[in-house]
Amino acid sequence: MDRVAVFVDAGYLYAQGSAALSGSKKSRTSIMLDAAGAVAALKAIAAETSPECCLLRIYWYDGAVAGSRPTTEQALLANSDDVKLRLGFVNSQGEQKGVDSLIVTDLIELARLKSISDAVLLSGDEDVRVGVQIAQNHGVRVHLLGIIPSRGSQSHQLLQEADTTKEWGAEAVASFMTIREPVADGSARAPVSATVEATLVTTVHLGDDVVMQTVTKFVDEMTEAEIQGVEAYWKTERGVPQEFDRKLLPICGEALGRNLEREEIRQMRSRFQQAVKLRLAQQRQVR
């Protein structure tokens, strides 16, 4: 049976997906991705595009912010069925590097080995066009998927090179992506869960410890998807994921009115891990 593979340029997906939802491109920190929903949507478009093919897998290409360590979102995707995570890197200017070459390499190699007959490509970058051309020379049909307005977000040469083109509208993107509303100040934050708070008090004396209170509130406000992302991250890494560490340090510093001391940073990270584990335990009880 013929097989189809899906190639996802995450940089394009986040940038153009957030623009489709909000009218402008948003930073990664303000975008929330439902990994399971995204995988389901990609499988559906593959089945629609190549109905006579079975799925080989979904290749997800993204940049690693801190060396090779994944974010919680990336870890959640890496642990999903039928998904293979490929990481390039993000430079000091916040630019994603090395991703296009990974896409081109995989596309050409899978085509050369006759591993696939069809490829669904979610990208807009001109640099992947050479991979499309060579894959086509090996007999692979390439189906280019864009996000509205694809004519303005994808290379015209890439659009012309593809065998077929499709476009996701805002409704399709909204099925797995949302924009996080900014919190203006602490007054807009939700109250701390009494269950989490009570359990934490039994293990670590809270008292007037501002850092402990702040971290507890932060974890209590995390979404279920974020909690699951941390759990996925802990399958291969240890400690606090960098994206949450970067958020917590200034939040705790603002609450204290000064920079945190070394011991306070250690307590902050310890409390984060403890509170997340409690949230995970609560989720399992609910299920």
C-alpha atoms as a PDB file:
ATOM      1  CA  MET A   1       0.000   0.000   0.000  1.00  0.00           C
ATOM      2  CA  ASP A   2       1.196   3.519  -0.768  1.00  0.00           C
ATOM      3  CA  ARG A   3       2.132   5.713   2.189  1.00  0.00           C
ATOM      4  CA  VAL A   4       1.910   9.418   2.927  1.00  0.00           C
ATOM      5  CA  ALA A   5       4.089  11.410   5.335  1.00  0.00           C
ATOM      6  CA  VAL A   6       3.303  14.830   6.783  1.00  0.00           C
ATOM      7  CA  PHE A   7       6.045  17.442   7.162  1.00  0.00           C
ATOM      8  CA  VAL A   8       5.295  20.348   9.521  1.00  0.00           C
ATOM      9  CA  ASP A   9       7.348  23.530   9.746  1.00  0.00           C
ATOM     10  CA  ALA A  10       6.311  24.554  13.277  1.00  0.00           C
ATOM     11  CA  GLY A  11       7.675  28.067  12.836  1.00  0.00           C
ATOM     12  CA  TYR A  12       5.296  28.647   9.932  1.00  0.00           C
ATOM     13  CA  LEU A  13       2.401  26.998  11.786  1.00  0.00           C
ATOM     14  CA  TYR A  14       2.767  29.175  14.893  1.00  0.00           C
ATOM     15  CA  ALA A  15       3.409  32.433  13.037  1.00  0.00           C
ATOM     16  CA  GLN A  16       0.742  32.122  10.371  1.00  0.00           C
ATOM     17  CA  GLY A  17      -1.696  30.272  12.619  1.00  0.00           C
ATOM     18  CA  SER A  18      -1.628  33.050  15.224  1.00  0.00           C
ATOM     19  CA  ALA A  19      -2.031  35.646  12.461  1.00  0.00           C
ATOM     20  CA  ALA A  20      -5.092  33.810  11.137  1.00  0.00           C
ATOM     21  CA  LEU A  21      -6.646  33.797  14.605  1.00  0.00           C
ATOM     22  CA  SER A  22      -5.757  37.301  15.782  1.00  0.00           C
ATOM     23  CA  GLY A  23      -4.827  39.349  12.721  1.00  0.00           C
ATOM     24  CA  SER A  24      -1.131  39.536  13.602  1.00  0.00           C
ATOM     25  CA  LYS A  25       1.725  37.160  14.355  1.00  0.00           C
ATOM     26  CA  LYS A  26       2.126  36.452  18.064  1.00  0.00           C
ATOM     27  CA  SER A  27       5.079  35.331  20.157  1.00  0.00           C
ATOM     28  CA  ARG A  28       5.323  31.677  21.162  1.00  0.00           C
ATOM     29  CA  THR A  29       4.625  32.543  24.802  1.00  0.00           C
ATOM     30  CA  SER A  30       1.167  33.841  23.898  1.00  0.00           C
ATOM     31  CA  ILE A  31       0.225  30.806  21.766  1.00  0.00           C
ATOM     32  CA  MET A  32      -1.263  27.625  23.209  1.00  0.00           C
ATOM     33  CA  LEU A  33      -1.204  24.472  21.089  1.00  0.00           C
ATOM     34  CA  ASP A  34      -3.382  21.422  21.691  1.00  0.00           C
ATOM     35  CA  ALA A  35      -0.896  18.762  20.580  1.00  0.00           C
ATOM     36  CA  ALA A  36      -3.502  15.998  20.261  1.00  0.00           C
ATOM     37  CA  GLY A  37      -5.800  18.292  18.298  1.00  0.00           C
ATOM     38  CA  ALA A  38      -2.998  19.343  15.940  1.00  0.00           C
ATOM     39  CA  VAL A  39      -2.017  15.724  15.283  1.00  0.00           C
ATOM     40  CA  ALA A  40      -5.650  14.798  14.596  1.00  0.00           C
ATOM     41  CA  ALA A  41      -6.051  17.714  12.166  1.00  0.00           C
ATOM     42  CA  LEU A  42      -2.875  16.751  10.304  1.00  0.00           C
ATOM     43  CA  LYS A  43      -3.967  13.124  10.042  1.00  0.00           C
ATOM     44  CA  ALA A  44      -7.314  14.266   8.689  1.00  0.00           C
ATOM     45  CA  ILE A  45      -5.745  16.453   5.997  1.00  0.00           C
ATOM     46  CA  ALA A  46      -3.413  13.598   5.001  1.00  0.00           C
ATOM     47  CA  ALA A  47      -6.381  11.229   4.648  1.00  0.00           C
ATOM     48  CA  GLU A  48      -8.298  13.817   2.659  1.00  0.00           C
ATOM     49  CA  THR A  49      -5.376  14.592   0.365  1.00  0.00           C
ATOM     50  CA  SER A  50      -4.196  11.013  -0.171  1.00  0.00           C
ATOM     51  CA  PRO A  51      -7.203   8.761   0.548  1.00  0.00           C
ATOM     52  CA  GLU A  52      -5.576   5.645  -0.922  1.00  0.00           C
ATOM     53  CA  CYS A  53      -2.468   5.963   1.268  1.00  0.00           C
ATOM     54  CA  CYS A  54      -1.807   4.895   4.819  1.00  0.00           C
ATOM     55  CA  LEU A  55       0.047   7.270   7.100  1.00  0.00           C
ATOM     56  CA  LEU A  56       3.769   6.674   7.558  1.00  0.00           C
ATOM     57  CA  ARG A  57       4.154   9.336  10.245  1.00  0.00           C
ATOM     58  CA  ILE A  58       4.081  13.061  10.987  1.00  0.00           C
ATOM     59  CA  TYR A  59       7.449  14.826  11.045  1.00  0.00           C
ATOM     60  CA  TRP A  60       7.381  17.915  13.264  1.00  0.00           C
ATOM     61  CA  TYR A  61      10.240  20.383  12.745  1.00  0.00           C
ATOM     62  CA  ASP A  62      10.958  23.081  15.300  1.00  0.00           C
ATOM     63  CA  GLY A  63      13.793  25.031  16.896  1.00  0.00           C
ATOM     64  CA  ALA A  64      15.289  24.188  20.289  1.00  0.00           C
ATOM     65  CA  VAL A  65      15.657  27.329  22.360  1.00  0.00           C
ATOM     66  CA  ALA A  66      18.225  25.977  24.820  1.00  0.00           C
ATOM     67  CA  GLY A  67      20.624  23.671  23.057  1.00  0.00           C
ATOM     68  CA  SER A  68      18.912  20.358  22.416  1.00  0.00           C
ATOM     69  CA  ARG A  69      16.454  20.453  25.338  1.00  0.00           C
ATOM     70  CA  PRO A  70      12.823  20.473  24.162  1.00  0.00           C
ATOM     71  CA  THR A  71      10.059  22.663  25.521  1.00  0.00           C
ATOM     72  CA  THR A  72       7.137  20.983  27.287  1.00  0.00           C
ATOM     73  CA  GLU A  73       5.061  21.390  24.127  1.00  0.00           C
ATOM     74  CA  GLN A  74       7.766  19.748  22.034  1.00  0.00           C
ATOM     75  CA  ALA A  75       8.123  16.943  24.579  1.00  0.00           C
ATOM     76  CA  LEU A  76       4.376  16.322  24.450  1.00  0.00           C
ATOM     77  CA  LEU A  77       4.512  16.051  20.653  1.00  0.00           C
ATOM     78  CA  ALA A  78       7.591  13.815  20.769  1.00  0.00           C
ATOM     79  CA  ASN A  79       5.695  11.399  23.003  1.00  0.00           C
ATOM     80  CA  SER A  80       2.625  11.361  20.739  1.00  0.00           C
ATOM     81  CA  ASP A  81       1.863   8.350  18.559  1.00  0.00           C
ATOM     82  CA  ASP A  82       2.837   8.664  14.875  1.00  0.00           C
ATOM     83  CA  VAL A  83       4.909  11.817  15.467  1.00  0.00           C
ATOM     84  CA  LYS A  84       8.657  12.239  15.087  1.00  0.00           C
ATOM     85  CA  LEU A  85      10.150  15.449  16.472  1.00  0.00           C
ATOM     86  CA  ARG A  86      13.088  17.001  14.625  1.00  0.00           C
ATOM     87  CA  LEU A  87      14.829  19.939  16.288  1.00  0.00           C
ATOM     88  CA  GLY A  88      16.940  22.654  14.726  1.00  0.00           C
ATOM     89  CA  PHE A  89      17.866  25.588  16.946  1.00  0.00           C
ATOM     90  CA  VAL A  90      16.863  29.157  17.773  1.00  0.00           C
ATOM     91  CA  ASN A  91      19.653  31.744  17.630  1.00  0.00           C
ATOM     92  CA  SER A  92      20.186  34.724  19.925  1.00  0.00           C
ATOM     93  CA  GLN A  93      17.932  36.862  17.703  1.00  0.00           C
ATOM     94  CA  GLY A  94      15.082  34.413  18.162  1.00  0.00           C
ATOM     95  CA  GLU A  95      15.382  33.140  14.583  1.00  0.00           C
ATOM     96  CA  GLN A  96      14.734  29.476  13.795  1.00  0.00           C
ATOM     97  CA  LYS A  97      17.732  27.871  12.059  1.00  0.00           C
ATOM     98  CA  GLY A  98      18.454  24.449  10.589  1.00  0.00           C
ATOM     99  CA  VAL A  99      14.807  23.449  10.185  1.00  0.00           C
ATOM    100  CA  ASP A 100      14.562  23.840   6.403  1.00  0.00           C
ATOM    101  CA  SER A 101      17.580  21.598   5.841  1.00  0.00           C
ATOM    102  CA  LEU A 102      16.048  18.910   8.083  1.00  0.00           C
ATOM    103  CA  ILE A 103      12.810  19.009   6.083  1.00  0.00           C
ATOM    104  CA  VAL A 104      14.659  18.821   2.762  1.00  0.00           C
ATOM    105  CA  THR A 105      16.872  15.958   3.928  1.00  0.00           C
ATOM    106  CA  ASP A 106      13.976  13.825   5.194  1.00  0.00           C
ATOM    107  CA  LEU A 107      11.805  14.546   2.169  1.00  0.00           C
ATOM    108  CA  ILE A 108      14.544  13.549  -0.265  1.00  0.00           C
ATOM    109  CA  GLU A 109      15.638  10.462   1.686  1.00  0.00           C
ATOM    110  CA  LEU A 110      12.117   9.085   2.098  1.00  0.00           C
ATOM    111  CA  ALA A 111      11.458   9.667  -1.600  1.00  0.00           C
ATOM    112  CA  ARG A 112      14.756   8.055  -2.644  1.00  0.00           C
ATOM    113  CA  LEU A 113      14.066   4.959  -0.548  1.00  0.00           C
ATOM    114  CA  LYS A 114      10.501   4.711  -1.917  1.00  0.00           C
ATOM    115  CA  SER A 115       9.205   4.932   1.656  1.00  0.00           C
ATOM    116  CA  ILE A 116       6.415   7.296   0.603  1.00  0.00           C
ATOM    117  CA  SER A 117       4.347   7.986  -2.488  1.00  0.00           C
ATOM    118  CA  ASP A 118       2.792  11.226  -1.200  1.00  0.00           C
ATOM    119  CA  ALA A 119       3.924  14.066   1.041  1.00  0.00           C
ATOM    120  CA  VAL A 120       1.837  16.726   2.779  1.00  0.00           C
ATOM    121  CA  LEU A 121       4.014  19.766   3.448  1.00  0.00           C
ATOM    122  CA  LEU A 122       2.958  22.532   5.835  1.00  0.00           C
ATOM    123  CA  SER A 123       5.475  25.270   5.138  1.00  0.00           C
ATOM    124  CA  GLY A 124       5.887  28.478   3.219  1.00  0.00           C
ATOM    125  CA  ASP A 125       9.638  28.778   2.869  1.00  0.00           C
ATOM    126  CA  GLU A 126      11.290  29.000  -0.529  1.00  0.00           C
ATOM    127  CA  ASP A 127      14.284  27.058   0.849  1.00  0.00           C
ATOM    128  CA  VAL A 128      12.342  23.760   0.913  1.00  0.00           C
ATOM    129  CA  ARG A 129      11.514  23.979  -2.805  1.00  0.00           C
ATOM    130  CA  VAL A 130      14.619  22.032  -3.831  1.00  0.00           C
ATOM    131  CA  GLY A 131      13.484  19.145  -1.619  1.00  0.00           C
ATOM    132  CA  VAL A 132      10.081  19.211  -3.298  1.00  0.00           C
ATOM    133  CA  GLN A 133      11.678  19.107  -6.753  1.00  0.00           C
ATOM    134  CA  ILE A 134      13.959  16.159  -5.974  1.00  0.00           C
ATOM    135  CA  ALA A 135      11.186  14.215  -4.222  1.00  0.00           C
ATOM    136  CA  GLN A 136       8.995  14.698  -7.279  1.00  0.00           C
ATOM    137  CA  ASN A 137      11.804  13.391  -9.476  1.00  0.00           C
ATOM    138  CA  HIS A 138      11.627  10.183  -7.402  1.00  0.00           C
ATOM    139  CA  GLY A 139       7.892   9.905  -8.108  1.00  0.00           C
ATOM    140  CA  VAL A 140       6.466  11.494  -4.931  1.00  0.00           C
ATOM    141  CA  ARG A 141       3.418  13.739  -5.211  1.00  0.00           C
ATOM    142  CA  VAL A 142       3.791  16.781  -2.948  1.00  0.00           C
ATOM    143  CA  HIS A 143       0.677  18.413  -1.499  1.00  0.00           C
ATOM    144  CA  LEU A 144       1.351  21.880  -0.075  1.00  0.00           C
ATOM    145  CA  LEU A 145      -0.743  22.971   2.900  1.00  0.00           C
ATOM    146  CA  GLY A 146      -0.921  26.650   3.802  1.00  0.00           C
ATOM    147  CA  ILE A 147      -2.736  28.845   6.311  1.00  0.00           C
ATOM    148  CA  ILE A 148      -4.932  31.709   5.190  1.00  0.00           C
ATOM    149  CA  PRO A 149      -3.885  33.788   3.314  1.00  0.00           C
ATOM    150  CA  SER A 150      -1.516  31.182   1.863  1.00  0.00           C
ATOM    151  CA  ARG A 151      -0.885  33.298  -1.235  1.00  0.00           C
ATOM    152  CA  GLY A 152       0.621  35.914   1.034  1.00  0.00           C
ATOM    153  CA  SER A 153       2.405  33.596   3.459  1.00  0.00           C
ATOM    154  CA  GLN A 154       3.984  31.036   1.116  1.00  0.00           C
ATOM    155  CA  SER A 155       6.635  31.352  -1.579  1.00  0.00           C
ATOM    156  CA  HIS A 156       5.012  31.739  -4.992  1.00  0.00           C
ATOM    157  CA  GLN A 157       7.635  29.411  -6.484  1.00  0.00           C
ATOM    158  CA  LEU A 158       6.851  26.796  -3.829  1.00  0.00           C
ATOM    159  CA  LEU A 159       3.129  27.070  -4.577  1.00  0.00           C
ATOM    160  CA  GLN A 160       3.811  26.576  -8.284  1.00  0.00           C
ATOM    161  CA  GLU A 161       6.093  23.594  -7.627  1.00  0.00           C
ATOM    162  CA  ALA A 162       3.567  21.620  -5.560  1.00  0.00           C
ATOM    163  CA  ASP A 163       1.312  19.042  -7.179  1.00  0.00           C
ATOM    164  CA  THR A 164      -1.714  20.250  -5.196  1.00  0.00           C
ATOM    165  CA  THR A 165      -2.357  23.083  -2.737  1.00  0.00           C
ATOM    166  CA  LYS A 166      -4.761  23.362   0.189  1.00  0.00           C
ATOM    167  CA  GLU A 167      -5.425  26.083   2.724  1.00  0.00           C
ATOM    168  CA  TRP A 168      -6.484  26.022   6.372  1.00  0.00           C
ATOM    169  CA  GLY A 169      -8.764  28.840   7.452  1.00  0.00           C
ATOM    170  CA  ALA A 170      -9.055  30.356  10.914  1.00  0.00           C
ATOM    171  CA  GLU A 171     -11.726  27.827  11.924  1.00  0.00           C
ATOM    172  CA  ALA A 172      -9.455  24.875  11.185  1.00  0.00           C
ATOM    173  CA  VAL A 173      -6.554  26.444  13.094  1.00  0.00           C
ATOM    174  CA  ALA A 174      -8.808  27.284  16.046  1.00  0.00           C
ATOM    175  CA  SER A 175      -9.526  23.570  16.508  1.00  0.00           C
ATOM    176  CA  PHE A 176      -6.034  23.123  17.993  1.00  0.00           C
ATOM    177  CA  MET A 177      -4.551  26.579  18.611  1.00  0.00           C
ATOM    178  CA  THR A 178      -5.592  29.434  20.898  1.00  0.00           C
ATOM    179  CA  ILE A 179      -4.108  32.814  21.777  1.00  0.00           C
ATOM    180  CA  ARG A 180      -3.428  33.385  25.447  1.00  0.00           C
ATOM    181  CA  GLU A 181      -4.848  36.687  26.651  1.00  0.00           C
ATOM    182  CA  PRO A 182      -2.221  38.803  28.467  1.00  0.00           C
ATOM    183  CA  VAL A 183      -2.675  39.266  32.195  1.00  0.00           C
ATOM    184  CA  ALA A 184      -2.422  42.964  33.017  1.00  0.00           C
ATOM    185  CA  ASP A 185      -1.727  42.534  36.721  1.00  0.00           C
ATOM    186  CA  GLY A 186      -2.010  40.138  39.606  1.00  0.00           C
ATOM    187  CA  SER A 187      -5.638  41.124  40.277  1.00  0.00           C
ATOM    188  CA  ALA A 188      -6.703  39.353  37.083  1.00  0.00           C
ATOM    189  CA  ARG A 189      -5.309  36.033  38.228  1.00  0.00           C
ATOM    190  CA  ALA A 190      -7.554  33.185  39.305  1.00  0.00           C
ATOM    191  CA  PRO A 191      -7.667  32.187  42.993  1.00  0.00           C
ATOM    192  CA  VAL A 192      -5.388  29.424  44.195  1.00  0.00           C
ATOM    193  CA  SER A 193      -6.965  25.983  44.303  1.00  0.00           C
ATOM    194  CA  ALA A 194      -7.790  25.131  47.907  1.00  0.00           C
ATOM    195  CA  THR A 195      -6.891  21.477  47.356  1.00  0.00           C
ATOM    196  CA  VAL A 196      -3.438  22.241  45.970  1.00  0.00           C
ATOM    197  CA  GLU A 197      -2.784  24.882  48.605  1.00  0.00           C
ATOM    198  CA  ALA A 198      -3.845  22.701  51.517  1.00  0.00           C
ATOM    199  CA  THR A 199      -1.701  19.793  50.364  1.00  0.00           C
ATOM    200  CA  LEU A 200       1.341  21.996  49.882  1.00  0.00           C
ATOM    201  CA  VAL A 201       0.996  23.477  53.351  1.00  0.00           C
ATOM    202  CA  THR A 202       1.244  20.009  54.875  1.00  0.00           C
ATOM    203  CA  THR A 203       4.620  19.394  53.225  1.00  0.00           C
ATOM    204  CA  VAL A 204       6.288  22.809  53.293  1.00  0.00           C
ATOM    205  CA  HIS A 205       5.417  25.521  55.791  1.00  0.00           C
ATOM    206  CA  LEU A 206       4.011  28.403  53.746  1.00  0.00           C
ATOM    207  CA  GLY A 207       3.728  31.183  56.309  1.00  0.00           C
ATOM    208  CA  ASP A 208       4.691  34.508  54.773  1.00  0.00           C
ATOM    209  CA  ASP A 209       6.943  33.040  52.113  1.00  0.00           C
ATOM    210  CA  VAL A 210       6.105  35.153  49.067  1.00  0.00           C
ATOM    211  CA  VAL A 211       8.035  32.942  46.664  1.00  0.00           C
ATOM    212  CA  MET A 212       6.148  29.837  47.714  1.00  0.00           C
ATOM    213  CA  GLN A 213       2.785  31.591  47.441  1.00  0.00           C
ATOM    214  CA  THR A 214       3.626  32.994  44.025  1.00  0.00           C
ATOM    215  CA  VAL A 215       4.756  29.679  42.580  1.00  0.00           C
ATOM    216  CA  THR A 216       1.708  27.887  43.977  1.00  0.00           C
ATOM    217  CA  LYS A 217      -0.590  30.414  42.315  1.00  0.00           C
ATOM    218  CA  PHE A 218       1.341  30.166  39.038  1.00  0.00           C
ATOM    219  CA  VAL A 219       1.033  26.372  38.883  1.00  0.00           C
ATOM    220  CA  ASP A 220      -2.613  26.498  39.901  1.00  0.00           C
ATOM    221  CA  GLU A 221      -3.321  28.724  36.878  1.00  0.00           C
ATOM    222  CA  MET A 222      -1.528  26.463  34.382  1.00  0.00           C
ATOM    223  CA  THR A 223      -3.776  24.709  31.878  1.00  0.00           C
ATOM    224  CA  GLU A 224      -4.204  20.947  31.874  1.00  0.00           C
ATOM    225  CA  ALA A 225      -2.283  20.804  28.566  1.00  0.00           C
ATOM    226  CA  GLU A 226       0.642  22.658  30.142  1.00  0.00           C
ATOM    227  CA  ILE A 227       0.684  20.269  33.089  1.00  0.00           C
ATOM    228  CA  GLN A 228       0.668  17.294  30.725  1.00  0.00           C
ATOM    229  CA  GLY A 229       3.481  18.941  28.769  1.00  0.00           C
ATOM    230  CA  VAL A 230       5.630  19.121  31.900  1.00  0.00           C
ATOM    231  CA  GLU A 231       4.898  15.441  32.575  1.00  0.00           C
ATOM    232  CA  ALA A 232       6.035  14.591  29.025  1.00  0.00           C
ATOM    233  CA  TYR A 233       9.151  16.729  29.499  1.00  0.00           C
ATOM    234  CA  TRP A 234      10.062  14.806  32.658  1.00  0.00           C
ATOM    235  CA  LYS A 235      10.164  11.555  30.715  1.00  0.00           C
ATOM    236  CA  THR A 236      13.527  12.606  29.264  1.00  0.00           C
ATOM    237  CA  GLU A 237      14.622  15.704  31.208  1.00  0.00           C
ATOM    238  CA  ARG A 238      14.809  16.828  34.820  1.00  0.00           C
ATOM    239  CA  GLY A 239      13.960  20.008  36.667  1.00  0.00           C
ATOM    240  CA  VAL A 240      11.831  22.980  35.620  1.00  0.00           C
ATOM    241  CA  PRO A 241      11.360  23.403  31.848  1.00  0.00           C
ATOM    242  CA  GLN A 242      13.117  26.529  30.677  1.00  0.00           C
ATOM    243  CA  GLU A 243      10.011  28.290  29.393  1.00  0.00           C
ATOM    244  CA  PHE A 244       8.443  28.124  32.869  1.00  0.00           C
ATOM    245  CA  ASP A 245      11.695  28.944  34.658  1.00  0.00           C
ATOM    246  CA  ARG A 246      11.974  32.124  32.573  1.00  0.00           C
ATOM    247  CA  LYS A 247       8.438  33.129  33.481  1.00  0.00           C
ATOM    248  CA  LEU A 248       8.710  32.346  37.183  1.00  0.00           C
ATOM    249  CA  LEU A 249      11.930  34.231  37.898  1.00  0.00           C
ATOM    250  CA  PRO A 250      10.603  37.710  37.006  1.00  0.00           C
ATOM    251  CA  ILE A 251       7.156  36.974  38.487  1.00  0.00           C
ATOM    252  CA  CYS A 252       8.671  35.971  41.823  1.00  0.00           C
ATOM    253  CA  GLY A 253      11.127  38.844  41.653  1.00  0.00           C
ATOM    254  CA  GLU A 254       8.284  41.304  41.138  1.00  0.00           C
ATOM    255  CA  ALA A 255       6.367  39.806  44.048  1.00  0.00           C
ATOM    256  CA  LEU A 256       9.435  40.214  46.280  1.00  0.00           C
ATOM    257  CA  GLY A 257      10.421  43.608  44.915  1.00  0.00           C
ATOM    258  CA  ARG A 258      13.973  42.416  44.256  1.00  0.00           C
ATOM    259  CA  ASN A 259      15.989  39.673  42.558  1.00  0.00           C
ATOM    260  CA  LEU A 260      15.792  36.226  44.098  1.00  0.00           C
ATOM    261  CA  GLU A 261      18.673  34.880  46.147  1.00  0.00           C
ATOM    262  CA  ARG A 262      20.192  31.522  45.198  1.00  0.00           C
ATOM    263  CA  GLU A 263      18.323  29.640  47.923  1.00  0.00           C
ATOM    264  CA  GLU A 264      15.052  31.294  46.932  1.00  0.00           C
ATOM    265  CA  ILE A 265      15.571  30.171  43.317  1.00  0.00           C
ATOM    266  CA  ARG A 266      16.124  26.624  44.549  1.00  0.00           C
ATOM    267  CA  GLN A 267      12.919  26.824  46.601  1.00  0.00           C
ATOM    268  CA  MET A 268      11.037  28.259  43.637  1.00  0.00           C
ATOM    269  CA  ARG A 269      12.039  25.357  41.402  1.00  0.00           C
ATOM    270  CA  SER A 270      11.365  22.763  44.077  1.00  0.00           C
ATOM    271  CA  ARG A 271       7.903  24.174  44.743  1.00  0.00           C
ATOM    272  CA  PHE A 272       7.101  24.224  41.030  1.00  0.00           C
ATOM    273  CA  GLN A 273       7.907  20.529  40.663  1.00  0.00           C
ATOM    274  CA  GLN A 274       5.997  19.655  43.811  1.00  0.00           C
ATOM    275  CA  ALA A 275       2.906  21.607  42.769  1.00  0.00           C
ATOM    276  CA  VAL A 276       2.889  20.132  39.260  1.00  0.00           C
ATOM    277  CA  LYS A 277       3.068  16.607  40.683  1.00  0.00           C
ATOM    278  CA  LEU A 278       0.067  17.406  42.867  1.00  0.00           C
ATOM    279  CA  ARG A 279      -1.868  18.689  39.850  1.00  0.00           C
ATOM    280  CA  LEU A 280      -1.023  15.487  37.963  1.00  0.00           C
ATOM    281  CA  ALA A 281      -2.235  13.390  40.904  1.00  0.00           C
ATOM    282  CA  GLN A 282      -5.491  15.362  40.988  1.00  0.00           C
ATOM    283  CA  GLN A 283      -6.010  14.865  37.260  1.00  0.00           C
ATOM    284  CA  ARG A 284      -5.585  11.100  37.633  1.00  0.00           C
ATOM    285  CA  GLN A 285      -8.140  11.026  40.464  1.00  0.00           C
ATOM    286  CA  VAL A 286     -10.670  12.866  38.308  1.00  0.00           C
ATOM    287  CA  ARG A 287     -10.196  10.362  35.485  1.00  0.00           C
END
